[in-house]
PDB file of N, CA and C in Angstrom:
ATOM      1  N   MET A   1      34.576 -32.038  24.142  1.00  0.00           N
ATOM      2  CA  MET A   1      34.193 -30.662  23.956  1.00  0.00           C
ATOM      3  C   MET A   1      33.086 -30.596  22.907  1.00  0.00           C
ATOM      4  N   SER A   2      31.967 -29.939  23.237  1.00  0.00           N
ATOM      5  CA  SER A   2      30.855 -29.853  22.290  1.00  0.00           C
ATOM      6  C   SER A   2      30.975 -28.583  21.460  1.00  0.00           C
ATOM      7  N   GLU A   3      30.479 -28.666  20.244  1.00  0.00           N
ATOM      8  CA  GLU A   3      30.511 -27.497  19.367  1.00  0.00           C
ATOM      9  C   GLU A   3      29.312 -26.611  19.654  1.00  0.00           C
ATOM     10  N   LYS A   4      29.558 -25.325  19.762  1.00  0.00           N
ATOM     11  CA  LYS A   4      28.484 -24.363  20.008  1.00  0.00           C
ATOM     12  C   LYS A   4      28.104 -23.667  18.699  1.00  0.00           C
ATOM     13  N   THR A   5      26.844 -23.427  18.519  1.00  0.00           N
ATOM     14  CA  THR A   5      26.370 -22.672  17.353  1.00  0.00           C
ATOM     15  C   THR A   5      25.728 -21.380  17.844  1.00  0.00           C
ATOM     16  N   LEU A   6      25.342 -20.529  16.926  1.00  0.00           N
ATOM     17  CA  LEU A   6      24.708 -19.270  17.306  1.00  0.00           C
ATOM     18  C   LEU A   6      23.431 -19.488  18.112  1.00  0.00           C
ATOM     19  N   THR A   7      22.730 -20.559  17.845  1.00  0.00           N
ATOM     20  CA  THR A   7      21.490 -20.809  18.576  1.00  0.00           C
ATOM     21  C   THR A   7      21.756 -21.264  20.001  1.00  0.00           C
ATOM     22  N   ASP A   8      22.966 -21.684  20.288  1.00  0.00           N
ATOM     23  CA  ASP A   8      23.296 -22.103  21.644  1.00  0.00           C
ATOM     24  C   ASP A   8      23.703 -20.938  22.535  1.00  0.00           C
ATOM     25  N   LEU A   9      23.876 -19.762  21.973  1.00  0.00           N
ATOM     26  CA  LEU A   9      24.267 -18.603  22.764  1.00  0.00           C
ATOM     27  C   LEU A   9      23.106 -18.178  23.665  1.00  0.00           C
ATOM     28  N   PRO A  10      23.407 -17.784  24.897  1.00  0.00           N
ATOM     29  CA  PRO A  10      22.318 -17.353  25.780  1.00  0.00           C
ATOM     30  C   PRO A  10      21.760 -16.008  25.325  1.00  0.00           C
ATOM     31  N   MET A  11      20.446 -15.932  25.194  1.00  0.00           N
ATOM     32  CA  MET A  11      19.778 -14.698  24.793  1.00  0.00           C
ATOM     33  C   MET A  11      18.575 -14.479  25.680  1.00  0.00           C
ATOM     34  N   ILE A  12      18.321 -13.226  25.987  1.00  0.00           N
ATOM     35  CA  ILE A  12      17.125 -12.869  26.733  1.00  0.00           C
ATOM     36  C   ILE A  12      16.148 -12.287  25.725  1.00  0.00           C
ATOM     37  N   GLY A  13      14.989 -12.868  25.639  1.00  0.00           N
ATOM     38  CA  GLY A  13      14.005 -12.377  24.678  1.00  0.00           C
ATOM     39  C   GLY A  13      14.386 -12.793  23.264  1.00  0.00           C
ATOM     40  N   THR A  14      14.149 -11.899  22.317  1.00  0.00           N
ATOM     41  CA  THR A  14      14.456 -12.199  20.923  1.00  0.00           C
ATOM     42  C   THR A  14      15.634 -11.354  20.477  1.00  0.00           C
ATOM     43  N   HIS A  15      16.247 -11.779  19.444  1.00  0.00           N
ATOM     44  CA  HIS A  15      17.411 -11.063  18.927  1.00  0.00           C
ATOM     45  C   HIS A  15      16.935  -9.923  18.043  1.00  0.00           C
ATOM     46  N   PRO A  16      17.401  -8.674  18.297  1.00  0.00           N
ATOM     47  CA  PRO A  16      16.881  -7.519  17.543  1.00  0.00           C
ATOM     48  C   PRO A  16      17.164  -7.570  16.054  1.00  0.00           C
ATOM     49  N   ILE A  17      18.262  -8.140  15.649  1.00  0.00           N
ATOM     50  CA  ILE A  17      18.585  -8.191  14.230  1.00  0.00           C
ATOM     51  C   ILE A  17      17.614  -9.104  13.492  1.00  0.00           C
ATOM     52  N   GLN A  18      17.231 -10.199  14.118  1.00  0.00           N
ATOM     53  CA  GLN A  18      16.324 -11.142  13.470  1.00  0.00           C
ATOM     54  C   GLN A  18      14.896 -10.610  13.414  1.00  0.00           C
ATOM     55  N   ASP A  19      14.499  -9.792  14.398  1.00  0.00           N
ATOM     56  CA  ASP A  19      13.103  -9.392  14.492  1.00  0.00           C
ATOM     57  C   ASP A  19      12.784  -8.032  13.882  1.00  0.00           C
ATOM     58  N   GLU A  20      13.667  -7.072  13.987  1.00  0.00           N
ATOM     59  CA  GLU A  20      13.296  -5.735  13.558  1.00  0.00           C
ATOM     60  C   GLU A  20      14.385  -5.044  12.759  1.00  0.00           C
ATOM     61  N   GLY A  21      15.090  -5.787  11.947  1.00  0.00           N
ATOM     62  CA  GLY A  21      16.106  -5.172  11.116  1.00  0.00           C
ATOM     63  C   GLY A  21      15.475  -4.363   9.999  1.00  0.00           C
ATOM     64  N   ALA A  22      16.249  -3.464   9.411  1.00  0.00           N
ATOM     65  CA  ALA A  22      15.732  -2.620   8.330  1.00  0.00           C
ATOM     66  C   ALA A  22      15.277  -3.465   7.145  1.00  0.00           C
ATOM     67  N   CYS A  23      15.910  -4.578   6.939  1.00  0.00           N
ATOM     68  CA  CYS A  23      15.578  -5.435   5.805  1.00  0.00           C
ATOM     69  C   CYS A  23      14.992  -6.761   6.283  1.00  0.00           C
ATOM     70  N   SER A  24      14.203  -6.720   7.327  1.00  0.00           N
ATOM     71  CA  SER A  24      13.641  -7.947   7.876  1.00  0.00           C
ATOM     72  C   SER A  24      12.615  -8.532   6.913  1.00  0.00           C
ATOM     73  N   THR A  25      12.181  -9.731   7.220  1.00  0.00           N
ATOM     74  CA  THR A  25      11.194 -10.388   6.365  1.00  0.00           C
ATOM     75  C   THR A  25       9.791  -9.871   6.637  1.00  0.00           C
ATOM     76  N   GLN A  26       9.625  -9.053   7.686  1.00  0.00           N
ATOM     77  CA  GLN A  26       8.321  -8.463   7.952  1.00  0.00           C
ATOM     78  C   GLN A  26       8.041  -7.377   6.926  1.00  0.00           C
ATOM     79  N   ASN A  27       6.783  -7.251   6.570  1.00  0.00           N
ATOM     80  CA  ASN A  27       6.411  -6.184   5.634  1.00  0.00           C
ATOM     81  C   ASN A  27       6.310  -4.881   6.395  1.00  0.00           C
ATOM     82  N   TYR A  28       6.868  -3.831   5.830  1.00  0.00           N
ATOM     83  CA  TYR A  28       6.804  -2.514   6.435  1.00  0.00           C
ATOM     84  C   TYR A  28       6.073  -1.597   5.469  1.00  0.00           C
ATOM     85  N   VAL A  29       5.035  -0.961   5.971  1.00  0.00           N
ATOM     86  CA  VAL A  29       4.272  -0.031   5.158  1.00  0.00           C
ATOM     87  C   VAL A  29       4.424   1.344   5.798  1.00  0.00           C
ATOM     88  N   SER A  30       4.855   2.316   5.012  1.00  0.00           N
ATOM     89  CA  SER A  30       5.026   3.673   5.540  1.00  0.00           C
ATOM     90  C   SER A  30       3.660   4.305   5.794  1.00  0.00           C
ATOM     91  N   LEU A  31       3.654   5.365   6.572  1.00  0.00           N
ATOM     92  CA  LEU A  31       2.410   6.081   6.851  1.00  0.00           C
ATOM     93  C   LEU A  31       1.799   6.618   5.563  1.00  0.00           C
ATOM     94  N   GLU A  32       2.651   7.092   4.669  1.00  0.00           N
ATOM     95  CA  GLU A  32       2.158   7.596   3.381  1.00  0.00           C
ATOM     96  C   GLU A  32       1.476   6.480   2.593  1.00  0.00           C
ATOM     97  N   GLU A  33       2.119   5.305   2.534  1.00  0.00           N
ATOM     98  CA  GLU A  33       1.511   4.173   1.829  1.00  0.00           C
ATOM     99  C   GLU A  33       0.206   3.755   2.495  1.00  0.00           C
ATOM    100  N   LYS A  34       0.212   3.732   3.818  1.00  0.00           N
ATOM    101  CA  LYS A  34      -0.982   3.326   4.560  1.00  0.00           C
ATOM    102  C   LYS A  34      -2.149   4.263   4.268  1.00  0.00           C
ATOM    103  N   THR A  35      -1.885   5.545   4.190  1.00  0.00           N
ATOM    104  CA  THR A  35      -2.922   6.524   3.905  1.00  0.00           C
ATOM    105  C   THR A  35      -3.489   6.331   2.501  1.00  0.00           C
ATOM    106  N   VAL A  36      -2.603   6.127   1.546  1.00  0.00           N
ATOM    107  CA  VAL A  36      -3.054   5.928   0.161  1.00  0.00           C
ATOM    108  C   VAL A  36      -3.842   4.626   0.046  1.00  0.00           C
ATOM    109  N   LEU A  37      -3.375   3.577   0.696  1.00  0.00           N
ATOM    110  CA  LEU A  37      -4.082   2.295   0.635  1.00  0.00           C
ATOM    111  C   LEU A  37      -5.458   2.388   1.286  1.00  0.00           C
ATOM    112  N   ALA A  38      -5.580   3.155   2.369  1.00  0.00           N
ATOM    113  CA  ALA A  38      -6.891   3.345   3.004  1.00  0.00           C
ATOM    114  C   ALA A  38      -7.842   4.080   2.056  1.00  0.00           C
ATOM    115  N   ALA A  39      -7.323   5.080   1.355  1.00  0.00           N
ATOM    116  CA  ALA A  39      -8.152   5.802   0.380  1.00  0.00           C
ATOM    117  C   ALA A  39      -8.576   4.870  -0.751  1.00  0.00           C
ATOM    118  N   MET A  40      -7.671   4.018  -1.200  1.00  0.00           N
ATOM    119  CA  MET A  40      -8.013   3.067  -2.264  1.00  0.00           C
ATOM    120  C   MET A  40      -9.078   2.079  -1.784  1.00  0.00           C
ATOM    121  N   ARG A  41      -8.985   1.682  -0.535  1.00  0.00           N
ATOM    122  CA  ARG A  41      -9.972   0.757   0.023  1.00  0.00           C
ATOM    123  C   ARG A  41     -11.352   1.415   0.061  1.00  0.00           C
ATOM    124  N   LYS A  42     -11.413   2.690   0.456  1.00  0.00           N
ATOM    125  CA  LYS A  42     -12.693   3.396   0.483  1.00  0.00           C
ATOM    126  C   LYS A  42     -13.273   3.531  -0.923  1.00  0.00           C
ATOM    127  N   LEU A  43     -12.409   3.803  -1.898  1.00  0.00           N
ATOM    128  CA  LEU A  43     -12.879   3.881  -3.287  1.00  0.00           C
ATOM    129  C   LEU A  43     -13.457   2.546  -3.744  1.00  0.00           C
ATOM    130  N   ARG A  44     -12.779   1.453  -3.374  1.00  0.00           N
ATOM    131  CA  ARG A  44     -13.268   0.133  -3.770  1.00  0.00           C
ATOM    132  C   ARG A  44     -14.638  -0.142  -3.158  1.00  0.00           C
ATOM    133  N   GLU A  45     -14.786   0.221  -1.876  1.00  0.00           N
ATOM    134  CA  GLU A  45     -16.074   0.001  -1.212  1.00  0.00           C
ATOM    135  C   GLU A  45     -17.184   0.807  -1.888  1.00  0.00           C
ATOM    136  N   ARG A  46     -16.866   2.051  -2.237  1.00  0.00           N
ATOM    137  CA  ARG A  46     -17.859   2.887  -2.928  1.00  0.00           C
ATOM    138  C   ARG A  46     -18.169   2.320  -4.313  1.00  0.00           C
ATOM    139  N   ALA A  47     -17.147   1.825  -5.002  1.00  0.00           N
ATOM    140  CA  ALA A  47     -17.359   1.241  -6.328  1.00  0.00           C
ATOM    141  C   ALA A  47     -18.261   0.016  -6.246  1.00  0.00           C
ATOM    142  N   GLU A  48     -18.111  -0.778  -5.195  1.00  0.00           N
ATOM    143  CA  GLU A  48     -18.990  -1.939  -5.024  1.00  0.00           C
ATOM    144  C   GLU A  48     -20.441  -1.498  -4.829  1.00  0.00           C
ATOM    145  N   GLU A  49     -20.631  -0.418  -4.048  1.00  0.00           N
ATOM    146  CA  GLU A  49     -21.990   0.110  -3.861  1.00  0.00           C
ATOM    147  C   GLU A  49     -22.571   0.620  -5.181  1.00  0.00           C
ATOM    148  N   VAL A  50     -21.738   1.324  -5.952  1.00  0.00           N
ATOM    149  CA  VAL A  50     -22.203   1.869  -7.229  1.00  0.00           C
ATOM    150  C   VAL A  50     -22.557   0.743  -8.189  1.00  0.00           C
ATOM    151  N   ARG A  51     -21.714  -0.304  -8.256  1.00  0.00           N
ATOM    152  CA  ARG A  51     -22.018  -1.437  -9.141  1.00  0.00           C
ATOM    153  C   ARG A  51     -23.334  -2.102  -8.763  1.00  0.00           C
ATOM    154  N   ALA A  52     -23.563  -2.256  -7.456  1.00  0.00           N
ATOM    155  CA  ALA A  52     -24.833  -2.837  -7.011  1.00  0.00           C
ATOM    156  C   ALA A  52     -25.995  -1.928  -7.400  1.00  0.00           C
ATOM    157  N   GLY A  53     -25.775  -0.618  -7.328  1.00  0.00           N
ATOM    158  CA  GLY A  53     -26.815   0.331  -7.733  1.00  0.00           C
ATOM    159  C   GLY A  53     -27.091   0.280  -9.223  1.00  0.00           C
ATOM    160  N   ILE A  54     -26.054   0.056 -10.013  1.00  0.00           N
ATOM    161  CA  ILE A  54     -26.235  -0.054 -11.471  1.00  0.00           C
ATOM    162  C   ILE A  54     -27.108  -1.254 -11.796  1.00  0.00           C
ATOM    163  N   ASP A  55     -26.839  -2.359 -11.105  1.00  0.00           N
ATOM    164  CA  ASP A  55     -27.610  -3.579 -11.364  1.00  0.00           C
ATOM    165  C   ASP A  55     -29.085  -3.422 -10.997  1.00  0.00           C
ATOM    166  N   SER A  56     -29.350  -2.587  -9.983  1.00  0.00           N
ATOM    167  CA  SER A  56     -30.742  -2.441  -9.540  1.00  0.00           C
ATOM    168  C   SER A  56     -31.358  -1.090  -9.918  1.00  0.00           C
ATOM    169  N   ALA A  57     -30.713  -0.377 -10.832  1.00  0.00           N
ATOM    170  CA  ALA A  57     -31.221   0.949 -11.226  1.00  0.00           C
ATOM    171  C   ALA A  57     -32.573   0.819 -11.918  1.00  0.00           C
ATOM    172  N   ALA A  58     -33.492   1.692 -11.503  1.00  0.00           N
ATOM    173  CA  ALA A  58     -34.853   1.636 -12.052  1.00  0.00           C
ATOM    174  C   ALA A  58     -34.972   2.393 -13.371  1.00  0.00           C
ATOM    175  N   SER A  59     -34.212   3.476 -13.497  1.00  0.00           N
ATOM    176  CA  SER A  59     -34.337   4.279 -14.719  1.00  0.00           C
ATOM    177  C   SER A  59     -33.008   4.329 -15.467  1.00  0.00           C
ATOM    178  N   VAL A  60     -33.098   4.707 -16.721  1.00  0.00           N
ATOM    179  CA  VAL A  60     -31.913   4.834 -17.562  1.00  0.00           C
ATOM    180  C   VAL A  60     -31.045   5.988 -17.077  1.00  0.00           C
ATOM    181  N   ASN A  61     -31.690   7.076 -16.644  1.00  0.00           N
ATOM    182  CA  ASN A  61     -30.940   8.232 -16.148  1.00  0.00           C
ATOM    183  C   ASN A  61     -30.127   7.871 -14.904  1.00  0.00           C
ATOM    184  N   GLU A  62     -30.748   7.143 -14.001  1.00  0.00           N
ATOM    185  CA  GLU A  62     -30.048   6.720 -12.776  1.00  0.00           C
ATOM    186  C   GLU A  62     -28.868   5.808 -13.117  1.00  0.00           C
ATOM    187  N   LYS A  63     -29.096   4.898 -14.048  1.00  0.00           N
ATOM    188  CA  LYS A  63     -28.029   3.975 -14.444  1.00  0.00           C
ATOM    189  C   LYS A  63     -26.862   4.724 -15.085  1.00  0.00           C
ATOM    190  N   SER A  64     -27.158   5.707 -15.950  1.00  0.00           N
ATOM    191  CA  SER A  64     -26.084   6.455 -16.607  1.00  0.00           C
ATOM    192  C   SER A  64     -25.335   7.333 -15.596  1.00  0.00           C
ATOM    193  N   ARG A  65     -26.048   7.881 -14.598  1.00  0.00           N
ATOM    194  CA  ARG A  65     -25.390   8.667 -13.557  1.00  0.00           C
ATOM    195  C   ARG A  65     -24.430   7.792 -12.745  1.00  0.00           C
ATOM    196  N   LEU A  66     -24.866   6.596 -12.406  1.00  0.00           N
ATOM    197  CA  LEU A  66     -24.030   5.678 -11.639  1.00  0.00           C
ATOM    198  C   LEU A  66     -22.827   5.199 -12.456  1.00  0.00           C
ATOM    199  N   GLU A  67     -23.023   4.978 -13.747  1.00  0.00           N
ATOM    200  CA  GLU A  67     -21.904   4.581 -14.605  1.00  0.00           C
ATOM    201  C   GLU A  67     -20.869   5.695 -14.711  1.00  0.00           C
ATOM    202  N   ALA A  68     -21.339   6.948 -14.766  1.00  0.00           N
ATOM    203  CA  ALA A  68     -20.415   8.086 -14.793  1.00  0.00           C
ATOM    204  C   ALA A  68     -19.649   8.183 -13.476  1.00  0.00           C
ATOM    205  N   GLU A  69     -20.338   7.938 -12.356  1.00  0.00           N
ATOM    206  CA  GLU A  69     -19.655   7.944 -11.052  1.00  0.00           C
ATOM    207  C   GLU A  69     -18.625   6.829 -10.975  1.00  0.00           C
ATOM    208  N   LEU A  70     -18.959   5.674 -11.515  1.00  0.00           N
ATOM    209  CA  LEU A  70     -18.018   4.559 -11.509  1.00  0.00           C
ATOM    210  C   LEU A  70     -16.782   4.889 -12.349  1.00  0.00           C
ATOM    211  N   ALA A  71     -16.979   5.553 -13.469  1.00  0.00           N
ATOM    212  CA  ALA A  71     -15.845   5.962 -14.297  1.00  0.00           C
ATOM    213  C   ALA A  71     -14.950   6.948 -13.536  1.00  0.00           C
ATOM    214  N   GLU A  72     -15.562   7.867 -12.806  1.00  0.00           N
ATOM    215  CA  GLU A  72     -14.800   8.824 -11.988  1.00  0.00           C
ATOM    216  C   GLU A  72     -14.025   8.100 -10.888  1.00  0.00           C
ATOM    217  N   LEU A  73     -14.648   7.112 -10.264  1.00  0.00           N
ATOM    218  CA  LEU A  73     -13.961   6.329  -9.234  1.00  0.00           C
ATOM    219  C   LEU A  73     -12.761   5.586  -9.813  1.00  0.00           C
ATOM    220  N   ARG A  74     -12.884   5.093 -11.027  1.00  0.00           N
ATOM    221  CA  ARG A  74     -11.765   4.409 -11.685  1.00  0.00           C
ATOM    222  C   ARG A  74     -10.604   5.367 -11.941  1.00  0.00           C
ATOM    223  N   GLU A  75     -10.931   6.589 -12.341  1.00  0.00           N
ATOM    224  CA  GLU A  75      -9.884   7.598 -12.560  1.00  0.00           C
ATOM    225  C   GLU A  75      -9.180   7.943 -11.254  1.00  0.00           C
ATOM    226  N   GLN A  76      -9.964   8.101 -10.189  1.00  0.00           N
ATOM    227  CA  GLN A  76      -9.381   8.396  -8.884  1.00  0.00           C
ATOM    228  C   GLN A  76      -8.480   7.252  -8.418  1.00  0.00           C
ATOM    229  N   ARG A  77      -8.905   6.013  -8.689  1.00  0.00           N
ATOM    230  CA  ARG A  77      -8.097   4.870  -8.285  1.00  0.00           C
ATOM    231  C   ARG A  77      -6.783   4.843  -9.052  1.00  0.00           C
ATOM    232  N   ALA A  78      -6.818   5.174 -10.323  1.00  0.00           N
ATOM    233  CA  ALA A  78      -5.595   5.210 -11.123  1.00  0.00           C
ATOM    234  C   ALA A  78      -4.620   6.257 -10.571  1.00  0.00           C
ATOM    235  N   GLU A  79      -5.152   7.419 -10.167  1.00  0.00           N
ATOM    236  CA  GLU A  79      -4.310   8.455  -9.570  1.00  0.00           C
ATOM    237  C   GLU A  79      -3.705   7.979  -8.248  1.00  0.00           C
ATOM    238  N   LEU A  80      -4.521   7.304  -7.443  1.00  0.00           N
ATOM    239  CA  LEU A  80      -4.022   6.792  -6.173  1.00  0.00           C
ATOM    240  C   LEU A  80      -2.975   5.694  -6.375  1.00  0.00           C
ATOM    241  N   ALA A  81      -3.123   4.907  -7.430  1.00  0.00           N
ATOM    242  CA  ALA A  81      -2.123   3.872  -7.715  1.00  0.00           C
ATOM    243  C   ALA A  81      -0.763   4.508  -8.013  1.00  0.00           C
ATOM    244  N   LEU A  82      -0.781   5.629  -8.730  1.00  0.00           N
ATOM    245  CA  LEU A  82       0.473   6.347  -8.992  1.00  0.00           C
ATOM    246  C   LEU A  82       1.062   6.903  -7.699  1.00  0.00           C
ATOM    247  N   LYS A  83       0.207   7.437  -6.835  1.00  0.00           N
ATOM    248  CA  LYS A  83       0.673   7.955  -5.545  1.00  0.00           C
ATOM    249  C   LYS A  83       1.244   6.826  -4.686  1.00  0.00           C
ATOM    250  N   ARG A  84       0.610   5.650  -4.759  1.00  0.00           N
ATOM    251  CA  ARG A  84       1.114   4.496  -4.001  1.00  0.00           C
ATOM    252  C   ARG A  84       2.502   4.107  -4.492  1.00  0.00           C
ATOM    253  N   ASP A  85       2.706   4.107  -5.794  1.00  0.00           N
ATOM    254  CA  ASP A  85       4.016   3.782  -6.351  1.00  0.00           C
ATOM    255  C   ASP A  85       5.065   4.807  -5.930  1.00  0.00           C
ATOM    256  N   ASP A  86       4.687   6.091  -5.932  1.00  0.00           N
ATOM    257  CA  ASP A  86       5.609   7.134  -5.494  1.00  0.00           C
ATOM    258  C   ASP A  86       5.948   6.978  -4.012  1.00  0.00           C
ATOM    259  N   ALA A  87       4.951   6.628  -3.199  1.00  0.00           N
ATOM    260  CA  ALA A  87       5.180   6.433  -1.766  1.00  0.00           C
ATOM    261  C   ALA A  87       6.129   5.253  -1.538  1.00  0.00           C
ATOM    262  N   PHE A  88       5.964   4.196  -2.323  1.00  0.00           N
ATOM    263  CA  PHE A  88       6.856   3.043  -2.217  1.00  0.00           C
ATOM    264  C   PHE A  88       8.285   3.442  -2.580  1.00  0.00           C
ATOM    265  N   THR A  89       8.435   4.224  -3.633  1.00  0.00           N
ATOM    266  CA  THR A  89       9.766   4.678  -4.039  1.00  0.00           C
ATOM    267  C   THR A  89      10.403   5.508  -2.941  1.00  0.00           C
ATOM    268  N   ARG A  90       9.640   6.429  -2.344  1.00  0.00           N
ATOM    269  CA  ARG A  90      10.189   7.250  -1.258  1.00  0.00           C
ATOM    270  C   ARG A  90      10.587   6.396  -0.064  1.00  0.00           C
ATOM    271  N   LYS A  91       9.803   5.352   0.231  1.00  0.00           N
ATOM    272  CA  LYS A  91      10.156   4.455   1.331  1.00  0.00           C
ATOM    273  C   LYS A  91      11.467   3.744   1.031  1.00  0.00           C
ATOM    274  N   MET A  92      11.639   3.280  -0.190  1.00  0.00           N
ATOM    275  CA  MET A  92      12.876   2.586  -0.557  1.00  0.00           C
ATOM    276  C   MET A  92      14.076   3.535  -0.485  1.00  0.00           C
ATOM    277  N   ILE A  93      13.867   4.806  -0.806  1.00  0.00           N
ATOM    278  CA  ILE A  93      14.939   5.803  -0.683  1.00  0.00           C
ATOM    279  C   ILE A  93      15.274   5.992   0.790  1.00  0.00           C
ATOM    280  N   MET A  94      14.244   6.107   1.622  1.00  0.00           N
ATOM    281  CA  MET A  94      14.442   6.313   3.046  1.00  0.00           C
ATOM    282  C   MET A  94      15.197   5.138   3.669  1.00  0.00           C
ATOM    283  N   LEU A  95      14.913   3.925   3.220  1.00  0.00           N
ATOM    284  CA  LEU A  95      15.589   2.743   3.749  1.00  0.00           C
ATOM    285  C   LEU A  95      16.979   2.549   3.160  1.00  0.00           C
ATOM    286  N   GLY A  96      17.325   3.346   2.151  1.00  0.00           N
ATOM    287  CA  GLY A  96      18.652   3.265   1.562  1.00  0.00           C
ATOM    288  C   GLY A  96      18.774   2.276   0.430  1.00  0.00           C
ATOM    289  N   HIS A  97      17.659   1.780  -0.069  1.00  0.00           N
ATOM    290  CA  HIS A  97      17.688   0.813  -1.167  1.00  0.00           C
ATOM    291  C   HIS A  97      17.737   1.475  -2.534  1.00  0.00           C
ATOM    292  N   LEU A  98      17.376   2.756  -2.598  1.00  0.00           N
ATOM    293  CA  LEU A  98      17.407   3.510  -3.848  1.00  0.00           C
ATOM    294  C   LEU A  98      18.101   4.849  -3.594  1.00  0.00           C
ATOM    295  N   PRO A  99      18.718   5.417  -4.626  1.00  0.00           N
ATOM    296  CA  PRO A  99      19.336   6.738  -4.455  1.00  0.00           C
ATOM    297  C   PRO A  99      18.248   7.826  -4.425  1.00  0.00           C
ATOM    298  N   PRO A 100      18.552   8.982  -3.840  1.00  0.00           N
ATOM    299  CA  PRO A 100      17.564  10.069  -3.787  1.00  0.00           C
ATOM    300  C   PRO A 100      17.050  10.491  -5.160  1.00  0.00           C
ATOM    301  N   GLU A 101      17.856  10.317  -6.189  1.00  0.00           N
ATOM    302  CA  GLU A 101      17.445  10.710  -7.538  1.00  0.00           C
ATOM    303  C   GLU A 101      16.287   9.866  -8.068  1.00  0.00           C
ATOM    304  N   ALA A 102      15.993   8.749  -7.421  1.00  0.00           N
ATOM    305  CA  ALA A 102      14.903   7.883  -7.870  1.00  0.00           C
ATOM    306  C   ALA A 102      13.535   8.468  -7.541  1.00  0.00           C
ATOM    307  N   ASP A 103      13.491   9.471  -6.649  1.00  0.00           N
ATOM    308  CA  ASP A 103      12.229  10.102  -6.296  1.00  0.00           C
ATOM    309  C   ASP A 103      11.716  10.921  -7.461  1.00  0.00           C
ATOM    310  N   PRO A 104      10.459  10.705  -7.867  1.00  0.00           N
ATOM    311  CA  PRO A 104       9.917  11.451  -9.012  1.00  0.00           C
ATOM    312  C   PRO A 104       9.908  12.963  -8.779  1.00  0.00           C
ATOM    313  N   GLY A 105       9.839  13.400  -7.537  1.00  0.00           N
ATOM    314  CA  GLY A 105       9.826  14.827  -7.241  1.00  0.00           C
ATOM    315  C   GLY A 105      11.207  15.386  -6.946  1.00  0.00           C
ATOM    316  N   TYR A 106      12.253  14.584  -7.169  1.00  0.00           N
ATOM    317  CA  TYR A 106      13.624  15.028  -6.885  1.00  0.00           C
ATOM    318  C   TYR A 106      14.030  16.141  -7.827  1.00  0.00           C
ATOM    319  N   ARG A 107      14.706  17.152  -7.297  1.00  0.00           N
ATOM    320  CA  ARG A 107      15.167  18.273  -8.139  1.00  0.00           C
ATOM    321  C   ARG A 107      16.655  18.269  -8.244  1.00  0.00           C
TER     322      ARG A 107
END
């Protein structure tokens, strides 16, 4: 008599628990997180353009304007980082890993 293991069981396709469980090894990004990350990516792209403009600025006024824009982009990124953290917390609450009281906007 041979010993059977879980891998010897007949399965059609893949096993749902291994592939799409709530706590699977796949990374899950919520729509809210995805939106914030896309905004952060656009800010980074704009910041790269501004930095290149600073390096090639012809006048002092242009350079100072671009530096001020870069400072504003940094502030916006900091705000988005906080929103990303809040979105992550809400996702963890939704998945049941954190209590509802962990939400910063919880009343």
